[in-house]
PDB file of N, CA and C in Angstrom:
ATOM      1  N   MET A   1     -34.344  11.122  33.242  1.00  0.00           N
ATOM      2  CA  MET A   1     -34.746  12.555  33.537  1.00  0.00           C
ATOM      3  C   MET A   1     -36.073  12.911  32.786  1.00  0.00           C
ATOM      4  N   LEU A   2     -36.379  12.537  31.609  1.00  0.00           N
ATOM      5  CA  LEU A   2     -37.484  12.777  31.057  1.00  0.00           C
ATOM      6  C   LEU A   2     -38.915  12.414  31.647  1.00  0.00           C
ATOM      7  N   GLY A   3     -38.673  11.191  32.275  1.00  0.00           N
ATOM      8  CA  GLY A   3     -39.766  10.760  32.956  1.00  0.00           C
ATOM      9  C   GLY A   3     -40.274  11.285  34.224  1.00  0.00           C
ATOM     10  N   ALA A   4     -39.412  12.237  34.695  1.00  0.00           N
ATOM     11  CA  ALA A   4     -39.863  12.926  36.149  1.00  0.00           C
ATOM     12  C   ALA A   4     -40.972  13.879  35.766  1.00  0.00           C
ATOM     13  N   PRO A   5     -40.848  14.772  34.586  1.00  0.00           N
ATOM     14  CA  PRO A   5     -42.077  15.810  34.693  1.00  0.00           C
ATOM     15  C   PRO A   5     -43.171  14.984  34.424  1.00  0.00           C
ATOM     16  N   ALA A   6     -43.345  13.840  33.593  1.00  0.00           N
ATOM     17  CA  ALA A   6     -44.689  13.148  33.471  1.00  0.00           C
ATOM     18  C   ALA A   6     -45.081  12.492  34.761  1.00  0.00           C
ATOM     19  N   TYR A   7     -44.097  11.833  35.434  1.00  0.00           N
ATOM     20  CA  TYR A   7     -44.428  11.594  36.721  1.00  0.00           C
ATOM     21  C   TYR A   7     -45.110  12.408  37.595  1.00  0.00           C
ATOM     22  N   LEU A   8     -44.438  13.520  37.759  1.00  0.00           N
ATOM     23  CA  LEU A   8     -45.044  14.725  38.726  1.00  0.00           C
ATOM     24  C   LEU A   8     -46.492  14.991  38.128  1.00  0.00           C
ATOM     25  N   ALA A   9     -46.437  15.289  36.952  1.00  0.00           N
ATOM     26  CA  ALA A   9     -47.865  15.685  36.455  1.00  0.00           C
ATOM     27  C   ALA A   9     -48.788  14.714  36.735  1.00  0.00           C
ATOM     28  N   TRP A  10     -48.578  13.411  36.595  1.00  0.00           N
ATOM     29  CA  TRP A  10     -49.627  12.327  36.666  1.00  0.00           C
ATOM     30  C   TRP A  10     -49.847  12.381  38.143  1.00  0.00           C
ATOM     31  N   THR A  11     -48.928  12.588  38.947  1.00  0.00           N
ATOM     32  CA  THR A  11     -49.104  12.390  40.667  1.00  0.00           C
ATOM     33  C   THR A  11     -50.111  13.566  40.924  1.00  0.00           C
ATOM     34  N   PHE A  12     -49.880  14.835  40.529  1.00  0.00           N
ATOM     35  CA  PHE A  12     -50.505  15.912  41.130  1.00  0.00           C
ATOM     36  C   PHE A  12     -51.970  16.215  40.434  1.00  0.00           C
ATOM     37  N   ALA A  13     -52.228  15.692  39.170  1.00  0.00           N
ATOM     38  CA  ALA A  13     -53.155  16.017  38.332  1.00  0.00           C
ATOM     39  C   ALA A  13     -54.040  14.928  38.323  1.00  0.00           C
ATOM     40  N   VAL A  14     -53.564  13.443  38.602  1.00  0.00           N
ATOM     41  CA  VAL A  14     -54.501  12.298  38.417  1.00  0.00           C
ATOM     42  C   VAL A  14     -54.612  11.550  39.840  1.00  0.00           C
ATOM     43  N   TRP A  15     -53.304  11.091  40.262  1.00  0.00           N
ATOM     44  CA  TRP A  15     -53.320  10.274  41.517  1.00  0.00           C
ATOM     45  C   TRP A  15     -53.816  11.133  42.772  1.00  0.00           C
ATOM     46  N   LEU A  16     -53.120  12.077  43.128  1.00  0.00           N
ATOM     47  CA  LEU A  16     -53.442  12.875  44.325  1.00  0.00           C
ATOM     48  C   LEU A  16     -55.012  13.217  44.481  1.00  0.00           C
ATOM     49  N   PRO A  17     -55.669  13.762  43.468  1.00  0.00           N
ATOM     50  CA  PRO A  17     -57.090  14.358  43.452  1.00  0.00           C
ATOM     51  C   PRO A  17     -57.913  12.951  43.680  1.00  0.00           C
ATOM     52  N   ARG A  18     -57.602  11.766  43.007  1.00  0.00           N
ATOM     53  CA  ARG A  18     -58.275  10.622  43.198  1.00  0.00           C
ATOM     54  C   ARG A  18     -58.233  10.088  44.553  1.00  0.00           C
ATOM     55  N   LYS A  19     -56.939  10.067  45.138  1.00  0.00           N
ATOM     56  CA  LYS A  19     -57.011   9.703  46.569  1.00  0.00           C
ATOM     57  C   LYS A  19     -57.664  10.474  47.543  1.00  0.00           C
ATOM     58  N   VAL A  20     -57.657  11.832  47.493  1.00  0.00           N
ATOM     59  CA  VAL A  20     -58.285  12.777  48.274  1.00  0.00           C
ATOM     60  C   VAL A  20     -59.808  12.386  48.242  1.00  0.00           C
ATOM     61  N   ARG A  21     -60.295  12.323  47.045  1.00  0.00           N
ATOM     62  CA  ARG A  21     -61.815  12.026  46.938  1.00  0.00           C
ATOM     63  C   ARG A  21     -62.115  10.616  47.525  1.00  0.00           C
ATOM     64  N   LYS A  22     -61.160   9.684  47.417  1.00  0.00           N
ATOM     65  CA  LYS A  22     -61.543   8.191  47.826  1.00  0.00           C
ATOM     66  C   LYS A  22     -61.574   8.415  49.433  1.00  0.00           C
ATOM     67  N   THR A  23     -60.556   8.942  49.934  1.00  0.00           N
ATOM     68  CA  THR A  23     -60.451   9.095  51.429  1.00  0.00           C
ATOM     69  C   THR A  23     -61.693   9.744  51.907  1.00  0.00           C
ATOM     70  N   TYR A  24     -62.089  11.035  51.220  1.00  0.00           N
ATOM     71  CA  TYR A  24     -63.399  11.672  51.912  1.00  0.00           C
ATOM     72  C   TYR A  24     -64.660  10.683  51.872  1.00  0.00           C
ATOM     73  N   ARG A  25     -64.796  10.014  50.899  1.00  0.00           N
ATOM     74  CA  ARG A  25     -65.947   8.923  50.608  1.00  0.00           C
ATOM     75  C   ARG A  25     -65.837   7.836  51.936  1.00  0.00           C
ATOM     76  N   GLN A  26     -64.605   7.488  51.880  1.00  0.00           N
ATOM     77  CA  GLN A  26     -64.414   6.622  53.030  1.00  0.00           C
ATOM     78  C   GLN A  26     -64.668   7.156  54.475  1.00  0.00           C
ATOM     79  N   ARG A  27     -64.137   8.424  54.622  1.00  0.00           N
ATOM     80  CA  ARG A  27     -64.210   9.061  56.064  1.00  0.00           C
ATOM     81  C   ARG A  27     -65.637   9.516  56.326  1.00  0.00           C
ATOM     82  N   LYS A  28     -66.653   8.671  56.928  1.00  0.00           N
ATOM     83  CA  LYS A  28     -67.806   9.288  57.107  1.00  0.00           C
ATOM     84  C   LYS A  28     -68.078  10.298  58.208  1.00  0.00           C
ATOM     85  N   ASP A  29     -67.055  10.328  59.040  1.00  0.00           N
ATOM     86  CA  ASP A  29     -66.981  11.372  60.190  1.00  0.00           C
ATOM     87  C   ASP A  29     -66.761  12.646  59.528  1.00  0.00           C
ATOM     88  N   LEU A  30     -66.173  12.872  58.463  1.00  0.00           N
ATOM     89  CA  LEU A  30     -65.989  14.178  58.069  1.00  0.00           C
ATOM     90  C   LEU A  30     -66.954  14.471  57.058  1.00  0.00           C
ATOM     91  N   GLN A  31     -68.049  13.684  56.894  1.00  0.00           N
ATOM     92  CA  GLN A  31     -69.332  14.238  56.088  1.00  0.00           C
ATOM     93  C   GLN A  31     -70.509  14.443  57.026  1.00  0.00           C
ATOM     94  N   ARG A  32     -70.299  14.060  58.358  1.00  0.00           N
ATOM     95  CA  ARG A  32     -71.528  14.584  59.239  1.00  0.00           C
ATOM     96  C   ARG A  32     -71.315  15.993  59.586  1.00  0.00           C
ATOM     97  N   PRO A  33     -72.633  16.582  59.744  1.00  0.00           N
ATOM     98  CA  PRO A  33     -72.754  18.053  60.394  1.00  0.00           C
ATOM     99  C   PRO A  33     -71.993  18.189  61.520  1.00  0.00           C
ATOM    100  N   CYS A  34     -71.526  19.318  61.789  1.00  0.00           N
ATOM    101  CA  CYS A  34     -70.760  19.458  62.926  1.00  0.00           C
ATOM    102  C   CYS A  34     -71.148  21.060  63.298  1.00  0.00           C
ATOM    103  N   ILE A  35     -71.192  21.052  64.882  1.00  0.00           N
ATOM    104  CA  ILE A  35     -71.472  22.403  65.499  1.00  0.00           C
ATOM    105  C   ILE A  35     -70.277  22.773  66.259  1.00  0.00           C
ATOM    106  N   TYR A  36     -69.617  23.857  65.894  1.00  0.00           N
ATOM    107  CA  TYR A  36     -68.709  24.246  66.881  1.00  0.00           C
ATOM    108  C   TYR A  36     -69.239  25.410  67.994  1.00  0.00           C
ATOM    109  N   ARG A  37     -68.612  24.990  69.196  1.00  0.00           N
ATOM    110  CA  ARG A  37     -68.939  25.942  70.114  1.00  0.00           C
ATOM    111  C   ARG A  37     -67.669  26.667  70.881  1.00  0.00           C
ATOM    112  N   PRO A  38     -67.338  27.896  70.436  1.00  0.00           N
ATOM    113  CA  PRO A  38     -66.111  28.334  71.215  1.00  0.00           C
ATOM    114  C   PRO A  38     -66.471  28.879  72.555  1.00  0.00           C
ATOM    115  N   SER A  39     -65.430  28.711  73.539  1.00  0.00           N
ATOM    116  CA  SER A  39     -65.605  29.183  74.720  1.00  0.00           C
ATOM    117  C   SER A  39     -64.393  29.558  75.228  1.00  0.00           C
ATOM    118  N   ASP A  40     -64.252  30.182  76.560  1.00  0.00           N
ATOM    119  CA  ASP A  40     -62.881  30.533  77.116  1.00  0.00           C
ATOM    120  C   ASP A  40     -62.082  29.499  77.409  1.00  0.00           C
ATOM    121  N   THR A  41     -62.498  28.183  77.547  1.00  0.00           N
ATOM    122  CA  THR A  41     -61.704  27.057  77.845  1.00  0.00           C
ATOM    123  C   THR A  41     -61.201  26.375  76.539  1.00  0.00           C
ATOM    124  N   GLY A  42     -61.852  26.544  75.353  1.00  0.00           N
ATOM    125  CA  GLY A  42     -61.456  25.775  74.251  1.00  0.00           C
ATOM    126  C   GLY A  42     -62.484  25.755  73.074  1.00  0.00           C
ATOM    127  N   LEU A  43     -62.177  25.141  71.965  1.00  0.00           N
ATOM    128  CA  LEU A  43     -63.148  25.039  70.844  1.00  0.00           C
ATOM    129  C   LEU A  43     -63.907  23.679  70.952  1.00  0.00           C
ATOM    130  N   GLY A  44     -65.407  23.667  71.238  1.00  0.00           N
ATOM    131  CA  GLY A  44     -66.012  22.445  71.365  1.00  0.00           C
ATOM    132  C   GLY A  44     -66.597  22.327  70.139  1.00  0.00           C
ATOM    133  N   ALA A  45     -66.760  20.840  69.762  1.00  0.00           N
ATOM    134  CA  ALA A  45     -67.376  20.570  68.470  1.00  0.00           C
ATOM    135  C   ALA A  45     -68.349  19.200  68.835  1.00  0.00           C
ATOM    136  N   GLU A  46     -69.368  19.349  68.317  1.00  0.00           N
ATOM    137  CA  GLU A  46     -70.403  18.307  68.442  1.00  0.00           C
ATOM    138  C   GLU A  46     -70.811  17.742  67.175  1.00  0.00           C
ATOM    139  N   THR A  47     -70.872  16.478  66.838  1.00  0.00           N
ATOM    140  CA  THR A  47     -71.473  15.899  65.775  1.00  0.00           C
ATOM    141  C   THR A  47     -72.532  14.908  66.251  1.00  0.00           C
ATOM    142  N   GLU A  48     -73.038  14.048  65.388  1.00  0.00           N
ATOM    143  CA  GLU A  48     -73.943  13.179  65.597  1.00  0.00           C
ATOM    144  C   GLU A  48     -73.681  12.176  66.793  1.00  0.00           C
ATOM    145  N   GLY A  49     -72.402  11.800  66.745  1.00  0.00           N
ATOM    146  CA  GLY A  49     -71.989  10.692  67.591  1.00  0.00           C
ATOM    147  C   GLY A  49     -71.020  11.067  68.519  1.00  0.00           C
ATOM    148  N   ALA A  50     -70.423  12.226  68.566  1.00  0.00           N
ATOM    149  CA  ALA A  50     -69.529  12.569  69.459  1.00  0.00           C
ATOM    150  C   ALA A  50     -69.530  14.095  69.793  1.00  0.00           C
ATOM    151  N   ALA A  51     -68.695  14.378  70.967  1.00  0.00           N
ATOM    152  CA  ALA A  51     -68.683  15.696  71.409  1.00  0.00           C
ATOM    153  C   ALA A  51     -67.334  15.830  72.219  1.00  0.00           C
ATOM    154  N   GLY A  52     -66.838  17.064  72.024  1.00  0.00           N
ATOM    155  CA  GLY A  52     -65.578  17.192  73.105  1.00  0.00           C
ATOM    156  C   GLY A  52     -65.110  18.695  72.954  1.00  0.00           C
ATOM    157  N   VAL A  53     -64.072  18.992  73.598  1.00  0.00           N
ATOM    158  CA  VAL A  53     -63.565  20.429  73.640  1.00  0.00           C
ATOM    159  C   VAL A  53     -62.130  20.411  73.294  1.00  0.00           C
ATOM    160  N   LYS A  54     -61.694  20.907  72.583  1.00  0.00           N
ATOM    161  CA  LYS A  54     -60.074  20.819  72.593  1.00  0.00           C
ATOM    162  C   LYS A  54     -59.657  22.275  73.153  1.00  0.00           C
ATOM    163  N   PRO A  55     -58.709  22.081  74.189  1.00  0.00           N
ATOM    164  CA  PRO A  55     -58.316  23.359  74.814  1.00  0.00           C
ATOM    165  C   PRO A  55     -57.564  24.290  73.945  1.00  0.00           C
ATOM    166  N   TRP A  56     -57.532  25.576  74.179  1.00  0.00           N
ATOM    167  CA  TRP A  56     -56.909  26.437  73.218  1.00  0.00           C
ATOM    168  C   TRP A  56     -55.217  26.533  73.302  1.00  0.00           C
ATOM    169  N   THR A  57     -54.881  25.808  74.494  1.00  0.00           N
ATOM    170  CA  THR A  57     -53.347  25.555  74.455  1.00  0.00           C
ATOM    171  C   THR A  57     -53.083  24.367  73.546  1.00  0.00           C
ATOM    172  N   ASP A  58     -53.895  23.672  72.959  1.00  0.00           N
ATOM    173  CA  ASP A  58     -53.517  22.680  72.067  1.00  0.00           C
ATOM    174  C   ASP A  58     -53.050  23.367  70.757  1.00  0.00           C
ATOM    175  N   TYR A  59     -53.510  24.609  70.450  1.00  0.00           N
ATOM    176  CA  TYR A  59     -53.355  25.149  69.172  1.00  0.00           C
ATOM    177  C   TYR A  59     -51.923  25.986  69.159  1.00  0.00           C
ATOM    178  N   LEU A  60     -51.163  25.791  68.227  1.00  0.00           N
ATOM    179  CA  LEU A  60     -50.028  26.471  67.999  1.00  0.00           C
ATOM    180  C   LEU A  60     -50.109  28.016  67.465  1.00  0.00           C
ATOM    181  N   LYS A  61     -51.112  28.093  66.340  1.00  0.00           N
ATOM    182  CA  LYS A  61     -51.199  29.319  65.476  1.00  0.00           C
ATOM    183  C   LYS A  61     -52.699  29.117  64.870  1.00  0.00           C
ATOM    184  N   TRP A  62     -52.919  30.291  64.307  1.00  0.00           N
ATOM    185  CA  TRP A  62     -54.064  30.442  63.361  1.00  0.00           C
ATOM    186  C   TRP A  62     -53.853  31.076  62.367  1.00  0.00           C
ATOM    187  N   LYS A  63     -54.725  30.882  61.038  1.00  0.00           N
ATOM    188  CA  LYS A  63     -54.868  31.701  59.853  1.00  0.00           C
ATOM    189  C   LYS A  63     -56.041  31.726  59.451  1.00  0.00           C
ATOM    190  N   GLU A  64     -56.308  32.881  58.782  1.00  0.00           N
ATOM    191  CA  GLU A  64     -57.675  33.366  58.292  1.00  0.00           C
ATOM    192  C   GLU A  64     -57.674  33.537  56.538  1.00  0.00           C
ATOM    193  N   GLY A  65     -58.522  32.567  56.072  1.00  0.00           N
ATOM    194  CA  GLY A  65     -58.560  32.801  54.705  1.00  0.00           C
ATOM    195  C   GLY A  65     -59.949  33.609  54.265  1.00  0.00           C
ATOM    196  N   ARG A  66     -60.281  33.457  53.083  1.00  0.00           N
ATOM    197  CA  ARG A  66     -61.341  34.168  52.597  1.00  0.00           C
ATOM    198  C   ARG A  66     -62.657  33.525  53.197  1.00  0.00           C
ATOM    199  N   SER A  67     -62.719  32.123  53.233  1.00  0.00           N
ATOM    200  CA  SER A  67     -63.781  31.437  53.682  1.00  0.00           C
ATOM    201  C   SER A  67     -63.597  30.356  54.862  1.00  0.00           C
ATOM    202  N   VAL A  68     -62.466  30.485  55.633  1.00  0.00           N
ATOM    203  CA  VAL A  68     -62.306  29.445  56.466  1.00  0.00           C
ATOM    204  C   VAL A  68     -61.318  30.125  57.675  1.00  0.00           C
ATOM    205  N   PHE A  69     -60.999  29.515  58.855  1.00  0.00           N
ATOM    206  CA  PHE A  69     -60.130  29.568  59.775  1.00  0.00           C
ATOM    207  C   PHE A  69     -59.159  28.271  59.561  1.00  0.00           C
ATOM    208  N   LEU A  70     -58.232  28.491  59.851  1.00  0.00           N
ATOM    209  CA  LEU A  70     -57.280  27.287  59.977  1.00  0.00           C
ATOM    210  C   LEU A  70     -56.541  27.233  61.505  1.00  0.00           C
ATOM    211  N   LEU A  71     -56.970  26.440  62.398  1.00  0.00           N
ATOM    212  CA  LEU A  71     -56.349  26.488  63.565  1.00  0.00           C
ATOM    213  C   LEU A  71     -55.282  25.299  63.535  1.00  0.00           C
ATOM    214  N   TYR A  72     -54.042  25.500  63.902  1.00  0.00           N
ATOM    215  CA  TYR A  72     -52.919  24.682  63.624  1.00  0.00           C
ATOM    216  C   TYR A  72     -52.611  24.182  64.993  1.00  0.00           C
ATOM    217  N   MET A  73     -52.557  22.821  64.984  1.00  0.00           N
ATOM    218  CA  MET A  73     -52.024  22.001  66.177  1.00  0.00           C
ATOM    219  C   MET A  73     -50.547  21.515  66.108  1.00  0.00           C
ATOM    220  N   SER A  74     -50.068  21.567  64.863  1.00  0.00           N
ATOM    221  CA  SER A  74     -48.625  21.591  64.657  1.00  0.00           C
ATOM    222  C   SER A  74     -48.526  22.075  63.373  1.00  0.00           C
ATOM    223  N   ASP A  75     -47.226  22.299  62.664  1.00  0.00           N
ATOM    224  CA  ASP A  75     -46.826  22.959  61.382  1.00  0.00           C
ATOM    225  C   ASP A  75     -47.671  22.300  60.484  1.00  0.00           C
ATOM    226  N   ASP A  76     -47.871  21.357  60.373  1.00  0.00           N
ATOM    227  CA  ASP A  76     -48.877  20.402  59.210  1.00  0.00           C
ATOM    228  C   ASP A  76     -49.948  19.910  59.606  1.00  0.00           C
ATOM    229  N   MET A  77     -50.688  20.114  60.821  1.00  0.00           N
ATOM    230  CA  MET A  77     -51.847  19.579  61.013  1.00  0.00           C
ATOM    231  C   MET A  77     -52.679  20.732  61.620  1.00  0.00           C
ATOM    232  N   TYR A  78     -53.874  20.737  60.960  1.00  0.00           N
ATOM    233  CA  TYR A  78     -54.680  21.962  61.501  1.00  0.00           C
ATOM    234  C   TYR A  78     -56.264  21.542  61.241  1.00  0.00           C
ATOM    235  N   GLN A  79     -57.171  22.295  61.859  1.00  0.00           N
ATOM    236  CA  GLN A  79     -58.324  22.073  62.040  1.00  0.00           C
ATOM    237  C   GLN A  79     -59.053  23.186  61.237  1.00  0.00           C
ATOM    238  N   ILE A  80     -60.056  22.865  60.356  1.00  0.00           N
ATOM    239  CA  ILE A  80     -60.895  23.968  59.520  1.00  0.00           C
ATOM    240  C   ILE A  80     -62.036  24.369  60.153  1.00  0.00           C
ATOM    241  N   VAL A  81     -62.170  25.724  60.513  1.00  0.00           N
ATOM    242  CA  VAL A  81     -63.397  26.161  60.818  1.00  0.00           C
ATOM    243  C   VAL A  81     -64.139  27.073  59.806  1.00  0.00           C
ATOM    244  N   PRO A  82     -65.142  26.559  59.063  1.00  0.00           N
ATOM    245  CA  PRO A  82     -65.585  27.439  57.979  1.00  0.00           C
ATOM    246  C   PRO A  82     -66.387  28.735  58.379  1.00  0.00           C
ATOM    247  N   LYS A  83     -66.224  29.718  57.836  1.00  0.00           N
ATOM    248  CA  LYS A  83     -67.040  31.005  58.216  1.00  0.00           C
ATOM    249  C   LYS A  83     -68.403  30.911  58.060  1.00  0.00           C
ATOM    250  N   HIS A  84     -68.836  30.081  57.068  1.00  0.00           N
ATOM    251  CA  HIS A  84     -70.394  29.922  56.863  1.00  0.00           C
ATOM    252  C   HIS A  84     -71.079  29.174  58.232  1.00  0.00           C
ATOM    253  N   PHE A  85     -70.222  28.647  59.157  1.00  0.00           N
ATOM    254  CA  PHE A  85     -70.978  28.230  60.651  1.00  0.00           C
ATOM    255  C   PHE A  85     -71.367  29.339  61.288  1.00  0.00           C
ATOM    256  N   PHE A  86     -70.884  30.455  61.201  1.00  0.00           N
ATOM    257  CA  PHE A  86     -71.347  31.635  61.836  1.00  0.00           C
ATOM    258  C   PHE A  86     -72.517  32.325  61.401  1.00  0.00           C
ATOM    259  N   SER A  87     -73.654  32.534  62.453  1.00  0.00           N
ATOM    260  CA  SER A  87     -74.909  32.840  61.945  1.00  0.00           C
ATOM    261  C   SER A  87     -74.916  34.417  61.843  1.00  0.00           C
ATOM    262  N   SER A  88     -73.678  35.228  62.049  1.00  0.00           N
ATOM    263  CA  SER A  88     -73.751  36.800  61.661  1.00  0.00           C
ATOM    264  C   SER A  88     -72.439  37.180  61.786  1.00  0.00           C
ATOM    265  N   GLU A  89     -72.338  38.296  61.321  1.00  0.00           N
ATOM    266  CA  GLU A  89     -70.862  38.941  61.088  1.00  0.00           C
ATOM    267  C   GLU A  89     -70.396  39.336  62.478  1.00  0.00           C
ATOM    268  N   ASP A  90     -71.274  39.650  63.403  1.00  0.00           N
ATOM    269  CA  ASP A  90     -70.764  39.865  64.658  1.00  0.00           C
ATOM    270  C   ASP A  90     -70.294  38.718  65.401  1.00  0.00           C
ATOM    271  N   ASP A  91     -70.920  37.626  65.258  1.00  0.00           N
ATOM    272  CA  ASP A  91     -70.497  36.075  65.876  1.00  0.00           C
ATOM    273  C   ASP A  91     -69.092  36.004  65.269  1.00  0.00           C
ATOM    274  N   LEU A  92     -68.699  36.069  63.806  1.00  0.00           N
ATOM    275  CA  LEU A  92     -67.578  35.915  63.228  1.00  0.00           C
ATOM    276  C   LEU A  92     -66.371  36.808  63.830  1.00  0.00           C
ATOM    277  N   LEU A  93     -66.782  38.045  64.165  1.00  0.00           N
ATOM    278  CA  LEU A  93     -65.811  38.865  64.811  1.00  0.00           C
ATOM    279  C   LEU A  93     -65.531  38.522  66.215  1.00  0.00           C
ATOM    280  N   LYS A  94     -66.518  38.069  66.916  1.00  0.00           N
ATOM    281  CA  LYS A  94     -66.180  37.628  68.270  1.00  0.00           C
ATOM    282  C   LYS A  94     -65.192  36.411  68.191  1.00  0.00           C
ATOM    283  N   PHE A  95     -65.510  35.604  67.257  1.00  0.00           N
ATOM    284  CA  PHE A  95     -64.848  34.325  67.273  1.00  0.00           C
ATOM    285  C   PHE A  95     -63.176  34.800  66.771  1.00  0.00           C
ATOM    286  N   LYS A  96     -63.097  35.587  65.990  1.00  0.00           N
ATOM    287  CA  LYS A  96     -61.850  36.196  65.586  1.00  0.00           C
ATOM    288  C   LYS A  96     -60.994  36.811  66.761  1.00  0.00           C
ATOM    289  N   ASN A  97     -61.722  37.686  67.463  1.00  0.00           N
ATOM    290  CA  ASN A  97     -61.288  38.185  68.546  1.00  0.00           C
ATOM    291  C   ASN A  97     -60.745  37.146  69.766  1.00  0.00           C
ATOM    292  N   LEU A  98     -61.654  36.270  69.893  1.00  0.00           N
ATOM    293  CA  LEU A  98     -61.325  34.917  70.703  1.00  0.00           C
ATOM    294  C   LEU A  98     -59.999  34.302  70.209  1.00  0.00           C
ATOM    295  N   LEU A  99     -59.776  34.066  69.207  1.00  0.00           N
ATOM    296  CA  LEU A  99     -58.623  33.542  68.643  1.00  0.00           C
ATOM    297  C   LEU A  99     -57.170  34.516  69.006  1.00  0.00           C
ATOM    298  N   ARG A 100     -57.469  35.752  68.509  1.00  0.00           N
ATOM    299  CA  ARG A 100     -56.333  36.696  69.097  1.00  0.00           C
ATOM    300  C   ARG A 100     -56.103  36.541  70.369  1.00  0.00           C
ATOM    301  N   GLU A 101     -56.859  36.483  71.403  1.00  0.00           N
ATOM    302  CA  GLU A 101     -56.807  36.313  72.747  1.00  0.00           C
ATOM    303  C   GLU A 101     -56.045  34.969  73.245  1.00  0.00           C
ATOM    304  N   LYS A 102     -56.605  33.959  72.620  1.00  0.00           N
ATOM    305  CA  LYS A 102     -56.327  32.750  73.147  1.00  0.00           C
ATOM    306  C   LYS A 102     -55.178  31.897  72.478  1.00  0.00           C
ATOM    307  N   ILE A 103     -55.140  32.272  71.006  1.00  0.00           N
ATOM    308  CA  ILE A 103     -53.986  31.808  70.274  1.00  0.00           C
ATOM    309  C   ILE A 103     -53.138  32.982  69.585  1.00  0.00           C
ATOM    310  N   VAL A 104     -52.214  33.435  70.617  1.00  0.00           N
ATOM    311  CA  VAL A 104     -51.384  34.479  70.075  1.00  0.00           C
ATOM    312  C   VAL A 104     -50.899  34.680  68.836  1.00  0.00           C
ATOM    313  N   ARG A 105     -50.291  33.486  68.372  1.00  0.00           N
ATOM    314  CA  ARG A 105     -49.514  33.643  67.079  1.00  0.00           C
ATOM    315  C   ARG A 105     -50.520  33.453  65.931  1.00  0.00           C
ATOM    316  N   HIS A 106     -50.566  34.574  65.012  1.00  0.00           N
ATOM    317  CA  HIS A 106     -51.302  34.705  63.970  1.00  0.00           C
ATOM    318  C   HIS A 106     -50.609  34.767  62.745  1.00  0.00           C
ATOM    319  N   GLU A 107     -50.635  33.933  61.687  1.00  0.00           N
ATOM    320  CA  GLU A 107     -50.101  34.344  60.370  1.00  0.00           C
ATOM    321  C   GLU A 107     -51.022  34.729  59.332  1.00  0.00           C
ATOM    322  N   ALA A 108     -50.675  35.528  58.531  1.00  0.00           N
ATOM    323  CA  ALA A 108     -51.564  36.141  57.409  1.00  0.00           C
ATOM    324  C   ALA A 108     -51.312  34.983  56.378  1.00  0.00           C
TER     325      ALA A 108
END
């Protein structure tokens, strides 16, 4: 029983952060610049080697944080859209209104 707190501390303070950093270093696709293009049909994304559109119907819900939008495809899988991608406050507001229209379920 005494080992459980030490195990949990090691797991969340040492092992998990190392694993996340290692995974990010290995995933070159996450390190490439990405351009998001929202439209009435879905959220388009373009990178150096790929392009595609995910239909709005694929998203279950969305949340807004201080610096990102989280678009959920399931309860535990989401797509991150950083707010710094938007060139103006007006573009950000248009995107937020599009989310309200296309992905009805919003969670604070």
